[in-house]
């Protein structure tokens, strides 16, 4: 087949129009087209009065070789690439020990799935509960102000990605076969088929729940063992001739599991696990992350600003945005994890702390758009050692809890008041979505001074980039601290720890991913490395 890229059509076109356009582009009659499928569909909304859909098509033609020869110098017409994922190996007939995967978020899910598919019968350990029970506990915080430290937005089956927008797009530079593998398995498990071709696919929280359950069932059928409410409290490491090597793990119930291949796929909030890894002398380093707030606008306003008269078109859906500003104080402020038509959620995993995040359902039909507005920071901002970033996060989460009223309310402020430097005392036209509730205050006490200054400088700039973004009634909610892990568990080219063989740091918590798709792809890469090591 031929891949035809950059095919541009008006928003309200028909399938016949699409076929006619591909025939015109390839200079072939319609009778020569055997079949065509959509490989990718995006849109160009730079001019709101003239929005176009942009297609990549895979086309099967009569006399295909002749057509390709005619267009061989056109970089937008190429042979269709093979994006089929091929398993790297199969498990040997006998293994001394089964591989163990710690964490069952997107990364651990795909490490376990690939290892099971290759026959290695992995054991997956998850400190939290199965996703349905976890959902009940999460709503316990949102509705009743009751936090379960091991079953919440951060911990449990599916990881932090379960309570999110379910975004499946990323800037990772990886072989498309791995990306395609993730999307194909998600679709097979119940995600909408459109994730296979739209440019910004998403799933939504409710669909993620059932999808993860289906993938879990398939993994068990393939020989995986998945244990919930099993937290790893120690890693057994031996040292011989100067080489450190993993030999097993100890669980919180005292059980010991032997293994020579341990994947650490914990999420970015597994702070007690980071402490354990550090205490064991496993190489780690501090890394940059970001801090800021969640901001909410009417989704209808964002739709109108981005799509003009086409706002509400079913092929466009709820509009998103991406904003960035480089400030005079050297900081960068940017939108993060933008959730169209969603809600701001309580995302703490530790008692007495407040953390915000965003999520939405597949339809993205809630009244508000929300996004993180965050400021980049580096280890220079939190000196004190490898784990100092965790102390930094905890400090501002403690402050948010106290300012919010010490009842898991989050501190909030209107944008107009934030820019004017005065505390908010009443809401305007935007109703905040955060549960269990919002306490209006002055957010300048909930962020470092340099972050406050940077966001104040950025907001009017964002208002010029996206008209109305700095509307006085928009609501800001603090504090957003969990943009990524504050540490990296360093690994070598074989994906093993730099100083502990058999230990495979993976995914977002280890500092190698940022989001569902990149974490899942990293899980595939690590699974490949583990499989090849065992089969060698």
Protein backbone atom coordinates (compact mmCIF):
# COMPACT_ATOMS: atom_id res chain seq x y z
CA UNK A 1 0.00 0.00 0.00
CA UNK A 2 0.98 3.65 -0.37
CA UNK A 3 0.90 6.16 2.45
CA UNK A 4 -0.45 9.53 1.33
CA UNK A 5 0.22 12.35 3.79
CA UNK A 6 -0.91 15.95 4.23
CA UNK A 7 -4.23 15.59 2.46
CA UNK A 8 -6.22 18.71 3.40
CA UNK A 9 -10.02 18.95 3.19
CA UNK A 10 -12.65 21.36 4.53
CA UNK A 11 -14.24 20.45 7.85
CA UNK A 12 -17.61 19.51 6.37
CA UNK A 13 -16.55 17.13 3.63
CA UNK A 14 -17.96 13.75 2.64
CA UNK A 15 -16.24 10.39 2.20
CA UNK A 16 -16.70 10.84 -1.54
CA UNK A 17 -14.83 14.15 -1.28
CA UNK A 18 -11.98 12.38 0.50
CA UNK A 19 -11.75 9.73 -2.21
CA UNK A 20 -11.91 12.37 -4.93
CA UNK A 21 -9.11 14.34 -3.30
CA UNK A 22 -6.80 11.31 -3.00
CA UNK A 23 -7.49 10.46 -6.68
CA UNK A 24 -6.63 14.01 -7.70
CA UNK A 25 -3.47 13.97 -5.62
CA UNK A 26 -2.32 10.63 -7.06
CA UNK A 27 -3.65 11.42 -10.53
CA UNK A 28 -5.55 8.15 -10.83
CA UNK A 29 -9.19 7.40 -11.72
CA UNK A 30 -11.52 6.28 -8.93
CA UNK A 31 -11.71 2.84 -10.52
CA UNK A 32 -8.01 2.32 -9.71
CA UNK A 33 -8.59 2.68 -5.97
CA UNK A 34 -8.99 -0.80 -4.48
CA UNK A 35 -9.24 0.38 -0.88
CA UNK A 36 -8.10 3.11 1.49
CA UNK A 37 -8.04 3.56 5.26
CA UNK A 38 -7.38 6.51 7.52
CA UNK A 39 -4.00 6.20 9.23
CA UNK A 40 -4.20 9.59 10.94
CA UNK A 41 -6.60 12.53 11.15
CA UNK A 42 -5.82 15.89 12.68
CA UNK A 43 -6.92 19.44 12.12
CA UNK A 44 -5.49 22.86 11.29
CA UNK A 45 -7.33 25.51 13.32
CA UNK A 46 -4.86 28.37 12.97
CA UNK A 47 -7.55 30.35 11.11
CA UNK A 48 -10.85 29.90 12.92
CA UNK A 49 -12.89 30.86 9.85
CA UNK A 50 -11.16 28.21 7.71
CA UNK A 51 -10.54 25.01 9.67
CA UNK A 52 -9.24 22.04 7.71
CA UNK A 53 -8.95 18.36 8.47
CA UNK A 54 -5.53 16.91 7.69
CA UNK A 55 -5.41 13.24 6.67
CA UNK A 56 -2.81 10.55 6.28
CA UNK A 57 -4.25 7.69 4.22
CA UNK A 58 -3.08 4.19 3.41
CA UNK A 59 -4.16 3.49 -0.15
CA UNK A 60 -4.26 0.26 -2.14
CA UNK A 61 -4.20 0.82 -5.90
CA UNK A 62 -4.15 -1.05 -9.15
CA UNK A 63 -0.81 -0.46 -10.88
CA UNK A 64 0.60 0.68 -7.53
CA UNK A 65 4.25 0.33 -8.51
CA UNK A 66 3.76 2.64 -11.48
CA UNK A 67 2.08 5.28 -9.32
CA UNK A 68 4.84 5.16 -6.72
CA UNK A 69 7.48 5.43 -9.45
CA UNK A 70 5.77 8.58 -10.70
CA UNK A 71 5.82 10.16 -7.23
CA UNK A 72 9.03 8.69 -5.82
CA UNK A 73 10.47 12.16 -5.13
CA UNK A 74 7.38 13.32 -3.22
CA UNK A 75 8.12 12.90 0.51
CA UNK A 76 4.37 12.89 1.26
CA UNK A 77 3.84 9.72 -0.81
CA UNK A 78 5.71 6.70 0.54
CA UNK A 79 5.25 2.96 0.99
CA UNK A 80 3.05 2.27 4.01
CA UNK A 81 5.37 1.44 6.90
CA UNK A 82 4.97 -1.84 8.76
CA UNK A 83 3.99 -0.84 12.30
CA UNK A 84 3.12 -4.38 13.43
CA UNK A 85 4.75 -5.14 16.76
CA UNK A 86 6.81 -8.34 16.80
CA UNK A 87 7.68 -10.04 20.08
CA UNK A 88 11.43 -10.10 20.59
CA UNK A 89 11.70 -13.65 21.97
CA UNK A 90 9.91 -16.46 23.79
CA UNK A 91 10.44 -17.71 27.32
CA UNK A 92 12.81 -20.65 27.72
CA UNK A 93 11.36 -24.01 28.70
CA UNK A 94 12.57 -23.53 32.27
CA UNK A 95 13.36 -20.39 34.29
CA UNK A 96 15.03 -20.36 37.68
CA UNK A 97 12.87 -17.45 38.88
CA UNK A 98 9.98 -15.53 37.41
CA UNK A 99 10.44 -11.81 36.69
CA UNK A 100 8.78 -9.49 39.19
CA UNK A 101 7.19 -6.15 38.26
CA UNK A 102 6.50 -3.58 40.98
CA UNK A 103 3.65 -1.24 40.08
CA UNK A 104 0.58 -1.67 37.89
CA UNK A 105 0.24 1.72 36.25
CA UNK A 106 0.64 2.17 32.46
CA UNK A 107 4.31 1.19 32.54
CA UNK A 108 3.93 -1.86 34.80
CA UNK A 109 0.84 -2.87 32.85
CA UNK A 110 2.80 -3.11 29.60
CA UNK A 111 5.90 -4.65 31.16
CA UNK A 112 3.68 -7.37 32.56
CA UNK A 113 1.56 -7.69 29.43
CA UNK A 114 4.55 -8.12 27.10
CA UNK A 115 6.33 -10.54 29.41
CA UNK A 116 3.15 -12.60 29.73
CA UNK A 117 2.63 -12.54 25.97
CA UNK A 118 6.15 -13.91 25.50
CA UNK A 119 5.52 -16.66 28.05
CA UNK A 120 7.58 -15.43 31.01
CA UNK A 121 4.69 -15.59 33.51
CA UNK A 122 5.59 -12.42 35.45
CA UNK A 123 4.48 -11.64 38.98
CA UNK A 124 3.07 -8.09 39.24
CA UNK A 125 2.91 -6.46 42.67
CA UNK A 126 0.63 -3.47 43.26
CA UNK A 127 0.36 -1.74 46.64
CA UNK A 128 -3.17 -0.48 45.87
CA UNK A 129 -6.48 -2.16 45.17
CA UNK A 130 -8.24 -3.38 42.03
CA UNK A 131 -9.60 -0.49 40.04
CA UNK A 132 -13.26 -0.76 41.10
CA UNK A 133 -12.41 -0.79 44.80
CA UNK A 134 -9.87 1.94 44.24
CA UNK A 135 -12.55 4.09 42.61
CA UNK A 136 -14.71 3.79 45.74
CA UNK A 137 -11.77 4.87 47.93
CA UNK A 138 -10.95 7.78 45.63
CA UNK A 139 -14.52 9.05 45.80
CA UNK A 140 -14.20 8.68 49.58
CA UNK A 141 -11.75 11.60 49.57
CA UNK A 142 -13.69 13.66 47.06
CA UNK A 143 -17.07 13.22 48.73
CA UNK A 144 -16.35 12.43 52.39
CA UNK A 145 -12.82 13.85 52.96
CA UNK A 146 -11.51 10.38 53.86
CA UNK A 147 -8.09 9.50 52.42
CA UNK A 148 -6.78 5.94 51.99
CA UNK A 149 -2.98 6.39 51.60
CA UNK A 150 -2.65 3.19 49.53
CA UNK A 151 -5.80 3.52 47.40
CA UNK A 152 -6.36 6.91 45.79
CA UNK A 153 -5.68 8.93 42.64
CA UNK A 154 -2.00 7.93 42.74
CA UNK A 155 -2.04 4.31 43.94
CA UNK A 156 -3.96 1.29 42.69
CA UNK A 157 -4.66 -0.62 39.50
CA UNK A 158 -4.04 1.57 36.48
CA UNK A 159 -1.85 4.08 38.30
CA UNK A 160 -2.30 7.85 38.24
CA UNK A 161 -3.32 7.67 34.57
CA UNK A 162 -6.66 6.07 35.46
CA UNK A 163 -7.94 9.32 36.98
CA UNK A 164 -6.91 11.59 34.15
CA UNK A 165 -8.03 12.57 30.68
CA UNK A 166 -6.62 9.34 29.28
CA UNK A 167 -4.47 11.22 26.78
CA UNK A 168 -2.58 8.95 24.39
CA UNK A 169 -0.33 11.41 22.62
CA UNK A 170 3.25 12.25 23.41
CA UNK A 171 6.39 13.84 22.03
CA UNK A 172 8.44 10.66 22.45
CA UNK A 173 10.76 9.68 19.62
CA UNK A 174 10.36 5.94 19.49
CA UNK A 175 9.70 3.30 16.88
CA UNK A 176 6.07 3.56 15.83
CA UNK A 177 5.67 -0.18 16.25
CA UNK A 178 5.76 0.22 20.06
CA UNK A 179 3.36 3.16 20.01
CA UNK A 180 1.06 1.21 17.72
CA UNK A 181 1.26 -1.80 20.05
CA UNK A 182 -0.03 0.31 22.94
CA UNK A 183 -2.91 1.73 20.92
CA UNK A 184 -3.87 -1.65 19.42
CA UNK A 185 -3.99 -3.35 22.83
CA UNK A 186 -5.99 -0.49 24.34
CA UNK A 187 -8.48 -0.65 21.48
CA UNK A 188 -8.76 -4.44 21.82
CA UNK A 189 -9.49 -3.94 25.53
CA UNK A 190 -12.37 -1.54 24.90
CA UNK A 191 -10.91 1.86 24.09
CA UNK A 192 -12.66 3.61 21.16
CA UNK A 193 -11.26 2.54 17.78
CA UNK A 194 -10.62 6.16 16.85
CA UNK A 195 -7.51 6.18 19.08
CA UNK A 196 -5.85 4.29 16.22
CA UNK A 197 -6.01 7.26 13.86
CA UNK A 198 -6.95 10.61 15.42
CA UNK A 199 -4.01 12.91 16.12
CA UNK A 200 -4.84 13.54 19.79
CA UNK A 201 -6.50 10.36 21.06
CA UNK A 202 -7.95 10.13 24.55
CA UNK A 203 -10.02 7.58 26.46
CA UNK A 204 -11.49 9.21 29.57
CA UNK A 205 -11.59 7.88 33.12
CA UNK A 206 -14.67 5.63 32.97
CA UNK A 207 -13.52 3.83 29.83
CA UNK A 208 -10.04 3.45 31.30
CA UNK A 209 -11.49 1.54 34.24
CA UNK A 210 -13.14 -1.20 32.17
CA UNK A 211 -10.26 -1.27 29.70
CA UNK A 212 -7.72 -1.98 32.45
CA UNK A 213 -9.92 -4.74 33.85
CA UNK A 214 -10.03 -6.38 30.42
CA UNK A 215 -6.26 -6.18 30.02
CA UNK A 216 -5.77 -7.66 33.49
CA UNK A 217 -8.00 -10.63 32.59
CA UNK A 218 -6.04 -11.23 29.39
CA UNK A 219 -2.73 -11.09 31.25
CA UNK A 220 -3.92 -13.69 33.74
CA UNK A 221 -5.01 -15.93 30.85
CA UNK A 222 -1.46 -15.61 29.46
CA UNK A 223 0.09 -16.74 32.74
CA UNK A 224 0.73 -13.54 34.68
CA UNK A 225 0.13 -13.44 38.43
CA UNK A 226 -1.17 -10.09 39.67
CA UNK A 227 -1.18 -9.36 43.39
CA UNK A 228 -2.98 -6.35 44.80
CA UNK A 229 -2.37 -4.77 48.22
CA UNK A 230 1.17 -6.18 48.16
CA UNK A 231 3.74 -3.47 48.82
CA UNK A 232 7.47 -4.08 48.43
CA UNK A 233 9.27 -2.95 51.60
CA UNK A 234 12.78 -4.27 50.85
CA UNK A 235 14.93 -5.43 47.95
CA UNK A 236 17.44 -8.20 48.60
CA UNK A 237 20.78 -7.43 46.99
CA UNK A 238 23.94 -9.53 47.06
CA UNK A 239 27.43 -8.31 46.27
CA UNK A 240 30.20 -10.49 44.86
CA UNK A 241 33.49 -9.40 43.33
CA UNK A 242 32.32 -5.80 43.39
CA UNK A 243 29.06 -6.52 41.52
CA UNK A 244 25.70 -5.87 43.16
CA UNK A 245 22.81 -8.03 41.99
CA UNK A 246 19.10 -8.34 42.84
CA UNK A 247 18.06 -11.63 44.46
CA UNK A 248 14.52 -10.96 45.63
CA UNK A 249 11.99 -8.70 47.30
CA UNK A 250 10.29 -8.63 50.70
CA UNK A 251 6.61 -7.67 50.96
CA UNK A 252 4.82 -5.78 53.71
CA UNK A 253 3.27 -9.07 54.90
CA UNK A 254 6.76 -10.55 55.44
CA UNK A 255 6.66 -12.78 52.35
CA UNK A 256 9.85 -13.12 50.31
CA UNK A 257 9.89 -13.60 46.54
CA UNK A 258 13.05 -14.68 44.77
CA UNK A 259 13.83 -13.10 41.43
CA UNK A 260 16.82 -12.18 39.29
CA UNK A 261 14.86 -9.64 37.24
CA UNK A 262 13.03 -6.90 39.13
CA UNK A 263 11.26 -4.08 37.28
CA UNK A 264 10.58 -0.98 39.36
CA UNK A 265 7.61 0.61 37.57
CA UNK A 266 6.33 2.66 40.49
CA UNK A 267 4.62 5.99 39.85
CA UNK A 268 5.88 9.50 40.52
CA UNK A 269 4.30 9.58 43.99
CA UNK A 270 5.87 6.42 45.51
CA UNK A 271 7.88 8.49 47.96
CA UNK A 272 8.41 5.75 50.54
CA UNK A 273 9.70 3.46 47.79
CA UNK A 274 12.11 6.16 46.61
CA UNK A 275 13.41 6.40 50.19
CA UNK A 276 13.88 2.61 50.34
CA UNK A 277 15.73 2.55 47.01
CA UNK A 278 17.96 5.39 48.15
CA UNK A 279 18.69 3.71 51.51
CA UNK A 280 19.77 0.56 49.63
CA UNK A 281 22.44 2.52 47.80
CA UNK A 282 20.84 2.15 44.37
CA UNK A 283 21.99 5.02 42.18
CA UNK A 284 19.53 7.91 41.93
CA UNK A 285 19.70 11.56 41.00
CA UNK A 286 17.54 14.63 41.50
CA UNK A 287 15.78 15.90 38.37
CA UNK A 288 13.74 18.94 37.31
CA UNK A 289 9.97 19.06 37.67
CA UNK A 290 7.37 21.84 37.97
CA UNK A 291 5.06 23.51 40.46
CA UNK A 292 1.98 25.65 39.97
CA UNK A 293 -1.80 25.66 40.00
CA UNK A 294 -4.83 24.35 38.12
CA UNK A 295 -6.82 26.93 36.19
CA UNK A 296 -10.46 26.67 35.05
CA UNK A 297 -12.26 28.51 32.25
CA UNK A 298 -15.65 27.94 30.63
CA UNK A 299 -15.10 25.24 28.01
CA UNK A 300 -17.51 27.10 25.69
CA UNK A 301 -15.17 30.10 25.72
CA UNK A 302 -12.13 27.97 24.88
CA UNK A 303 -14.08 26.29 22.06
CA UNK A 304 -15.10 29.65 20.60
CA UNK A 305 -11.58 31.09 20.83
CA UNK A 306 -10.00 28.06 19.19
CA UNK A 307 -12.66 27.12 16.63
CA UNK A 308 -14.71 30.26 16.04
CA UNK A 309 -17.96 29.56 14.18
CA UNK A 310 -17.04 25.86 14.05
CA UNK A 311 -17.17 25.48 17.86
CA UNK A 312 -19.20 22.41 18.74
CA UNK A 313 -18.47 20.55 15.52
CA UNK A 314 -18.49 16.80 16.34
CA UNK A 315 -15.19 16.11 14.58
CA UNK A 316 -13.45 18.84 16.58
CA UNK A 317 -14.93 18.05 19.99
CA UNK A 318 -13.91 20.08 23.03
CA UNK A 319 -10.99 22.37 22.24
CA UNK A 320 -7.64 22.07 23.96
CA UNK A 321 -4.70 24.46 24.06
CA UNK A 322 -0.97 24.58 24.69
CA UNK A 323 0.64 27.71 26.08
CA UNK A 324 4.17 28.65 27.12
CA UNK A 325 5.95 31.84 28.18
CA UNK A 326 9.60 32.42 29.01
CA UNK A 327 9.71 34.98 31.81
CA UNK A 328 12.07 37.84 32.59
CA UNK A 329 13.18 36.05 35.79
CA UNK A 330 14.49 33.14 33.71
CA UNK A 331 11.57 30.84 34.49
CA UNK A 332 9.29 29.12 32.01
CA UNK A 333 5.54 28.95 32.60
CA UNK A 334 3.51 26.48 30.58
CA UNK A 335 0.17 24.71 30.43
CA UNK A 336 0.35 21.11 31.59
CA UNK A 337 -2.02 18.15 31.28
CA UNK A 338 -4.82 20.23 29.77
CA UNK A 339 -8.22 18.56 30.28
CA UNK A 340 -11.03 19.84 28.03
CA UNK A 341 -14.51 19.55 29.50
CA UNK A 342 -13.22 18.04 32.72
CA UNK A 343 -12.79 18.56 36.44
CA UNK A 344 -10.03 19.48 38.89
CA UNK A 345 -9.52 16.63 41.33
CA UNK A 346 -7.99 16.06 44.73
CA UNK A 347 -4.88 13.97 44.05
CA UNK A 348 -3.02 13.69 47.34
CA UNK A 349 -1.66 10.34 48.50
CA UNK A 350 -0.47 11.47 51.94
CA UNK A 351 -2.60 12.59 54.90
CA UNK A 352 -2.58 16.29 55.74
CA UNK A 353 -1.57 17.44 52.27
CA UNK A 354 -3.39 18.95 49.28
CA UNK A 355 -2.49 18.17 45.67
CA UNK A 356 -4.49 19.02 42.54
CA UNK A 357 -4.72 17.31 39.16
CA UNK A 358 -7.15 17.24 36.24
CA UNK A 359 -9.30 14.57 34.62
CA UNK A 360 -12.17 14.23 32.17
CA UNK A 361 -14.42 11.60 30.67
CA UNK A 362 -14.42 10.44 27.06
CA UNK A 363 -17.14 12.90 26.03
CA UNK A 364 -15.35 15.84 27.68
CA UNK A 365 -18.78 17.31 28.38
CA UNK A 366 -18.27 19.12 31.71
CA UNK A 367 -18.71 22.90 31.76
CA UNK A 368 -15.08 23.84 32.49
CA UNK A 369 -11.75 23.40 30.79
CA UNK A 370 -8.87 22.95 33.19
CA UNK A 371 -5.12 22.82 32.91
CA UNK A 372 -2.06 23.01 35.05
CA UNK A 373 -0.25 26.35 34.82
CA UNK A 374 3.15 25.41 36.13
CA UNK A 375 6.64 26.81 36.51
CA UNK A 376 9.73 24.76 35.76
CA UNK A 377 12.19 24.24 38.61
CA UNK A 378 15.53 22.45 38.90
CA UNK A 379 17.50 20.80 41.71
CA UNK A 380 19.15 24.20 42.29
CA UNK A 381 15.79 25.33 43.68
CA UNK A 382 15.71 22.60 46.31
CA UNK A 383 19.28 21.86 47.48
CA UNK A 384 19.80 19.20 50.11
CA UNK A 385 20.40 15.89 48.40
CA UNK A 386 18.82 13.44 46.00
CA UNK A 387 15.46 13.33 47.80
CA UNK A 388 15.21 17.06 48.50
CA UNK A 389 12.64 17.47 45.73
CA UNK A 390 10.23 15.31 47.73
CA UNK A 391 10.70 17.56 50.76
CA UNK A 392 10.05 20.57 48.52
CA UNK A 393 6.81 19.05 47.23
CA UNK A 394 5.67 18.09 50.71
CA UNK A 395 6.31 21.59 52.05
CA UNK A 396 4.00 23.25 49.53
CA UNK A 397 1.40 20.49 49.84
CA UNK A 398 1.43 21.07 53.62
CA UNK A 399 0.95 24.80 53.08
CA UNK A 400 -1.97 24.19 50.70
CA UNK A 401 -3.63 21.90 53.26
CA UNK A 402 -3.34 24.51 56.03
CA UNK A 403 -4.44 27.46 53.88
CA UNK A 404 -7.34 25.38 52.55
CA UNK A 405 -8.69 24.87 56.06
CA UNK A 406 -7.09 21.55 57.08
CA UNK A 407 -10.08 19.58 55.77
CA UNK A 408 -8.77 18.71 52.26
CA UNK A 409 -10.33 21.84 50.76
CA UNK A 410 -7.94 23.37 48.24
CA UNK A 411 -6.98 27.05 48.34
CA UNK A 412 -8.34 28.98 45.37
CA UNK A 413 -8.30 32.47 43.88
CA UNK A 414 -9.74 34.33 40.91
CA UNK A 415 -7.23 35.31 38.26
CA UNK A 416 -8.14 38.99 38.53
CA UNK A 417 -7.44 38.99 42.26
CA UNK A 418 -4.23 36.99 41.80
CA UNK A 419 -2.92 39.54 39.30
CA UNK A 420 -3.95 42.43 41.57
CA UNK A 421 -2.32 40.87 44.64
CA UNK A 422 -5.47 40.67 46.76
CA UNK A 423 -7.27 37.74 48.34
CA UNK A 424 -10.46 36.51 46.69
CA UNK A 425 -13.64 36.70 48.74
CA UNK A 426 -16.31 35.65 46.23
CA UNK A 427 -16.57 33.62 43.03
CA UNK A 428 -17.55 35.12 39.70
CA UNK A 429 -18.94 33.51 36.57
CA UNK A 430 -16.76 30.37 36.76
CA UNK A 431 -17.89 27.66 39.19
CA UNK A 432 -14.89 25.61 40.38
CA UNK A 433 -15.12 21.84 40.04
CA UNK A 434 -12.65 20.76 42.76
CA UNK A 435 -14.05 18.37 45.36
CA UNK A 436 -14.34 18.22 48.32
CA UNK A 437 -14.33 22.04 48.16
CA UNK A 438 -12.48 25.31 47.62
CA UNK A 439 -11.37 27.93 50.16
CA UNK A 440 -10.93 31.37 48.62
CA UNK A 441 -7.71 33.05 49.66
CA UNK A 442 -4.49 34.62 48.34
CA UNK A 443 -2.49 31.98 46.43
CA UNK A 444 0.75 33.94 46.71
CA UNK A 445 1.25 32.24 50.08
CA UNK A 446 0.90 28.79 48.48
CA UNK A 447 3.76 29.00 45.96
CA UNK A 448 7.41 30.10 45.93
CA UNK A 449 7.82 33.82 45.25
CA UNK A 450 9.53 33.20 41.90
CA UNK A 451 6.61 31.02 40.78
CA UNK A 452 4.10 33.69 41.78
CA UNK A 453 6.04 36.35 39.86
CA UNK A 454 6.40 34.13 36.80
CA UNK A 455 2.69 33.20 36.63
CA UNK A 456 1.69 36.86 37.11
CA UNK A 457 3.88 37.81 34.18
CA UNK A 458 2.68 34.93 32.01
CA UNK A 459 -1.09 35.33 32.42
CA UNK A 460 -1.47 38.55 30.36
CA UNK A 461 0.76 37.01 27.70
CA UNK A 462 -1.46 33.93 27.60
CA UNK A 463 -4.42 36.30 27.31
CA UNK A 464 -2.91 37.61 24.10
CA UNK A 465 -2.09 34.15 22.81
CA UNK A 466 -5.63 32.93 23.56
CA UNK A 467 -8.00 35.86 23.89
CA UNK A 468 -9.79 35.91 27.24
CA UNK A 469 -7.45 33.45 28.93
CA UNK A 470 -6.64 36.00 31.63
CA UNK A 471 -10.33 36.68 32.30
CA UNK A 472 -10.72 37.98 35.87
CA UNK A 473 -13.30 35.32 36.83
CA UNK A 474 -11.16 32.30 35.85
CA UNK A 475 -10.43 30.20 38.93
CA UNK A 476 -6.99 29.04 40.06
CA UNK A 477 -6.65 26.12 42.49
CA UNK A 478 -3.47 25.18 44.38
CA UNK A 479 -1.24 23.32 44.46
CA UNK A 480 0.00 21.29 41.47
CA UNK A 481 3.23 19.52 42.51
CA UNK A 482 3.13 16.06 40.91
CA UNK A 483 3.91 16.98 37.29
CA UNK A 484 6.63 14.33 37.25
CA UNK A 485 8.92 12.45 39.60
CA UNK A 486 11.51 14.63 41.37
CA UNK A 487 14.10 11.83 41.03
CA UNK A 488 15.54 9.52 38.39
CA UNK A 489 16.70 5.99 39.19
CA UNK A 490 19.58 5.93 36.73
CA UNK A 491 19.97 3.03 34.29
CA UNK A 492 22.38 1.94 31.56
CA UNK A 493 21.94 0.90 27.93
CA UNK A 494 20.61 -2.51 29.05
CA UNK A 495 17.87 -0.70 31.05
CA UNK A 496 19.38 -1.97 34.32
CA UNK A 497 20.42 0.13 37.30
CA UNK A 498 23.88 1.62 36.94
CA UNK A 499 25.10 -0.18 40.04
CA UNK A 500 22.62 -3.01 40.69
CA UNK A 501 22.25 -5.72 38.07
CA UNK A 502 18.84 -7.27 37.62
CA UNK A 503 17.06 -4.07 38.69
CA UNK A 504 15.19 -2.35 35.84
CA UNK A 505 13.96 1.19 36.65
CA UNK A 506 11.03 2.00 34.37
CA UNK A 507 8.37 4.55 33.58
CA UNK A 508 7.37 7.83 35.12
CA UNK A 509 8.37 7.13 38.71
CA UNK A 510 11.89 6.18 37.66
CA UNK A 511 12.15 9.39 35.65
CA UNK A 512 11.87 7.95 32.13
CA UNK A 513 8.35 8.91 31.03
CA UNK A 514 5.69 11.58 31.36
CA UNK A 515 2.16 10.41 30.66
CA UNK A 516 0.25 7.25 29.77
CA UNK A 517 1.65 6.66 26.29
CA UNK A 518 5.32 7.35 27.04
CA UNK A 519 5.11 5.24 30.22
CA UNK A 520 3.53 2.35 28.33
CA UNK A 521 6.15 2.53 25.58
CA UNK A 522 8.94 2.59 28.16
CA UNK A 523 7.34 -0.48 29.69
CA UNK A 524 7.56 -2.26 26.35
CA UNK A 525 11.22 -1.36 25.98
CA UNK A 526 12.02 -2.60 29.47
CA UNK A 527 10.03 -5.81 28.93
CA UNK A 528 12.09 -6.45 25.80
CA UNK A 529 15.31 -5.97 27.76
CA UNK A 530 14.18 -8.31 30.55
CA UNK A 531 13.04 -10.97 28.09
CA UNK A 532 16.30 -10.93 26.14
CA UNK A 533 18.30 -11.10 29.38
CA UNK A 534 16.40 -14.15 30.63
CA UNK A 535 16.45 -15.90 27.27
CA UNK A 536 20.15 -15.26 26.67
